[in-house]
C-alpha atoms as a PDB file:
ATOM      1  CA  UNK A   1       0.000   0.000   0.000  1.00  0.00           C
ATOM      2  CA  UNK A   2       1.357   3.399  -0.919  1.00  0.00           C
ATOM      3  CA  UNK A   3       0.167   6.484   0.921  1.00  0.00           C
ATOM      4  CA  UNK A   4      -0.701   9.515  -1.133  1.00  0.00           C
ATOM      5  CA  UNK A   5       1.383  12.630  -0.945  1.00  0.00           C
ATOM      6  CA  UNK A   6       0.649  15.556  -3.185  1.00  0.00           C
ATOM      7  CA  UNK A   7      -2.715  15.802  -4.824  1.00  0.00           C
ATOM      8  CA  UNK A   8      -5.471  13.215  -4.826  1.00  0.00           C
ATOM      9  CA  UNK A   9      -7.178  12.752  -8.205  1.00  0.00           C
ATOM     10  CA  UNK A  10      -6.305  16.290  -9.171  1.00  0.00           C
ATOM     11  CA  UNK A  11      -7.662  17.829  -5.952  1.00  0.00           C
ATOM     12  CA  UNK A  12      -5.103  19.410  -3.621  1.00  0.00           C
ATOM     13  CA  UNK A  13      -4.901  17.852  -0.191  1.00  0.00           C
ATOM     14  CA  UNK A  14      -5.075  21.300   1.359  1.00  0.00           C
ATOM     15  CA  UNK A  15      -8.827  20.775   1.703  1.00  0.00           C
ATOM     16  CA  UNK A  16      -8.252  17.948   4.155  1.00  0.00           C
ATOM     17  CA  UNK A  17      -8.104  18.544   7.879  1.00  0.00           C
ATOM     18  CA  UNK A  18      -4.609  19.024   9.281  1.00  0.00           C
ATOM     19  CA  UNK A  19      -2.999  16.171  11.150  1.00  0.00           C
ATOM     20  CA  UNK A  20      -4.478  15.953  14.633  1.00  0.00           C
ATOM     21  CA  UNK A  21      -1.793  16.040  17.333  1.00  0.00           C
ATOM     22  CA  UNK A  22      -2.697  15.364  20.959  1.00  0.00           C
ATOM     23  CA  UNK A  23      -0.294  15.968  23.836  1.00  0.00           C
ATOM     24  CA  UNK A  24      -0.235  14.046  27.104  1.00  0.00           C
ATOM     25  CA  UNK A  25       2.381  15.461  29.454  1.00  0.00           C
ATOM     26  CA  UNK A  26       3.137  13.916  32.854  1.00  0.00           C
ATOM     27  CA  UNK A  27       0.112  11.648  32.487  1.00  0.00           C
ATOM     28  CA  UNK A  28      -2.253  14.627  32.406  1.00  0.00           C
ATOM     29  CA  UNK A  29      -5.381  15.059  30.350  1.00  0.00           C
ATOM     30  CA  UNK A  30      -4.993  14.841  26.569  1.00  0.00           C
ATOM     31  CA  UNK A  31      -4.869  18.330  25.081  1.00  0.00           C
ATOM     32  CA  UNK A  32      -4.029  20.296  21.979  1.00  0.00           C
ATOM     33  CA  UNK A  33      -0.976  22.548  21.950  1.00  0.00           C
ATOM     34  CA  UNK A  34      -3.215  25.516  22.811  1.00  0.00           C
ATOM     35  CA  UNK A  35      -4.393  23.782  25.994  1.00  0.00           C
ATOM     36  CA  UNK A  36      -0.902  23.583  27.490  1.00  0.00           C
ATOM     37  CA  UNK A  37      -0.619  26.053  30.355  1.00  0.00           C
ATOM     38  CA  UNK A  38       3.147  26.420  30.684  1.00  0.00           C
ATOM     39  CA  UNK A  39       4.568  28.873  28.157  1.00  0.00           C
ATOM     40  CA  UNK A  40       7.814  26.918  27.842  1.00  0.00           C
ATOM     41  CA  UNK A  41       6.025  23.601  27.315  1.00  0.00           C
ATOM     42  CA  UNK A  42       3.652  25.204  24.823  1.00  0.00           C
ATOM     43  CA  UNK A  43       6.631  26.511  22.799  1.00  0.00           C
ATOM     44  CA  UNK A  44       8.277  23.071  22.874  1.00  0.00           C
ATOM     45  CA  UNK A  45       5.014  21.437  21.788  1.00  0.00           C
ATOM     46  CA  UNK A  46       4.618  23.912  18.928  1.00  0.00           C
ATOM     47  CA  UNK A  47       8.050  22.775  17.741  1.00  0.00           C
ATOM     48  CA  UNK A  48       6.832  19.168  17.927  1.00  0.00           C
ATOM     49  CA  UNK A  49       3.745  20.140  15.924  1.00  0.00           C
ATOM     50  CA  UNK A  50       5.958  21.709  13.259  1.00  0.00           C
ATOM     51  CA  UNK A  51       8.170  18.596  13.200  1.00  0.00           C
ATOM     52  CA  UNK A  52       5.180  16.259  12.792  1.00  0.00           C
ATOM     53  CA  UNK A  53       3.654  18.361  10.019  1.00  0.00           C
ATOM     54  CA  UNK A  54       7.015  18.585   8.254  1.00  0.00           C
ATOM     55  CA  UNK A  55       7.587  14.815   8.445  1.00  0.00           C
ATOM     56  CA  UNK A  56       4.072  13.687   7.589  1.00  0.00           C
ATOM     57  CA  UNK A  57       3.301  16.520   5.195  1.00  0.00           C
ATOM     58  CA  UNK A  58       0.135  15.739   3.311  1.00  0.00           C
ATOM     59  CA  UNK A  59       0.136  12.004   4.056  1.00  0.00           C
ATOM     60  CA  UNK A  60      -3.241  10.504   3.267  1.00  0.00           C
ATOM     61  CA  UNK A  61      -4.427   6.892   3.262  1.00  0.00           C
ATOM     62  CA  UNK A  62      -5.051   5.934  -0.368  1.00  0.00           C
ATOM     63  CA  UNK A  63      -7.760   3.449   0.637  1.00  0.00           C
ATOM     64  CA  UNK A  64      -9.755   5.418   3.203  1.00  0.00           C
ATOM     65  CA  UNK A  65      -8.645   8.988   2.380  1.00  0.00           C
ATOM     66  CA  UNK A  66      -7.964   9.755   6.040  1.00  0.00           C
ATOM     67  CA  UNK A  67      -5.047  11.420   7.774  1.00  0.00           C
ATOM     68  CA  UNK A  68      -3.040   9.835  10.583  1.00  0.00           C
ATOM     69  CA  UNK A  69      -3.457  11.117  14.149  1.00  0.00           C
ATOM     70  CA  UNK A  70      -0.481  11.541  16.454  1.00  0.00           C
ATOM     71  CA  UNK A  71      -0.284  11.337  20.240  1.00  0.00           C
ATOM     72  CA  UNK A  72       2.855  12.870  21.745  1.00  0.00           C
ATOM     73  CA  UNK A  73       3.276  11.787  25.348  1.00  0.00           C
ATOM     74  CA  UNK A  74       5.974  11.799  27.979  1.00  0.00           C
ATOM     75  CA  UNK A  75       7.201  13.019  31.348  1.00  0.00           C
ATOM     76  CA  UNK A  76       7.881  16.516  29.981  1.00  0.00           C
ATOM     77  CA  UNK A  77       7.476  18.487  26.765  1.00  0.00           C
ATOM     78  CA  UNK A  78      11.133  17.917  25.884  1.00  0.00           C
ATOM     79  CA  UNK A  79      10.928  14.123  26.312  1.00  0.00           C
ATOM     80  CA  UNK A  80       7.997  13.020  24.150  1.00  0.00           C
ATOM     81  CA  UNK A  81       7.404   9.811  22.250  1.00  0.00           C
ATOM     82  CA  UNK A  82       4.996   9.483  19.346  1.00  0.00           C
ATOM     83  CA  UNK A  83       2.121   7.062  18.933  1.00  0.00           C
ATOM     84  CA  UNK A  84       0.362   7.057  15.583  1.00  0.00           C
ATOM     85  CA  UNK A  85      -3.310   6.199  15.176  1.00  0.00           C
ATOM     86  CA  UNK A  86      -5.065   5.773  11.879  1.00  0.00           C
ATOM     87  CA  UNK A  87      -7.745   4.124   9.814  1.00  0.00           C
ATOM     88  CA  UNK A  88      -5.617   1.064   8.991  1.00  0.00           C
ATOM     89  CA  UNK A  89      -2.337  -0.568   9.924  1.00  0.00           C
ATOM     90  CA  UNK A  90      -0.545   0.287   6.652  1.00  0.00           C
ATOM     91  CA  UNK A  91      -1.162   4.018   7.219  1.00  0.00           C
ATOM     92  CA  UNK A  92       0.031   3.711  10.826  1.00  0.00           C
ATOM     93  CA  UNK A  93       3.181   1.901   9.666  1.00  0.00           C
ATOM     94  CA  UNK A  94       3.987   4.500   7.009  1.00  0.00           C
ATOM     95  CA  UNK A  95       3.409   7.456   9.358  1.00  0.00           C
ATOM     96  CA  UNK A  96       5.396   5.812  12.173  1.00  0.00           C
ATOM     97  CA  UNK A  97       8.331   5.196   9.843  1.00  0.00           C
ATOM     98  CA  UNK A  98       8.276   8.818   8.651  1.00  0.00           C
ATOM     99  CA  UNK A  99       8.318  10.092  12.238  1.00  0.00           C
ATOM    100  CA  UNK A 100      11.264   7.784  12.965  1.00  0.00           C
END
């Protein structure tokens, strides 16, 4: 299975929702980058968001036309690991490999 990057049947992928990234820091409640209270941690998580978007770009499942979802979790914002969720295992495998 090959994941799409670029346009899909002539339509730009820009119309698709951005990749959803959820942060779980110190076992707290899952949140978006905007829900992080600490300014320093929010800045670090914005850098993670940029990294994820740069690595996954416009990755889209060619079968289900869905984007992967990423959970970044760890004991602090500077020690996060990634878990990828998606519509199917091939998409998860591709996205996980791209995140390294």
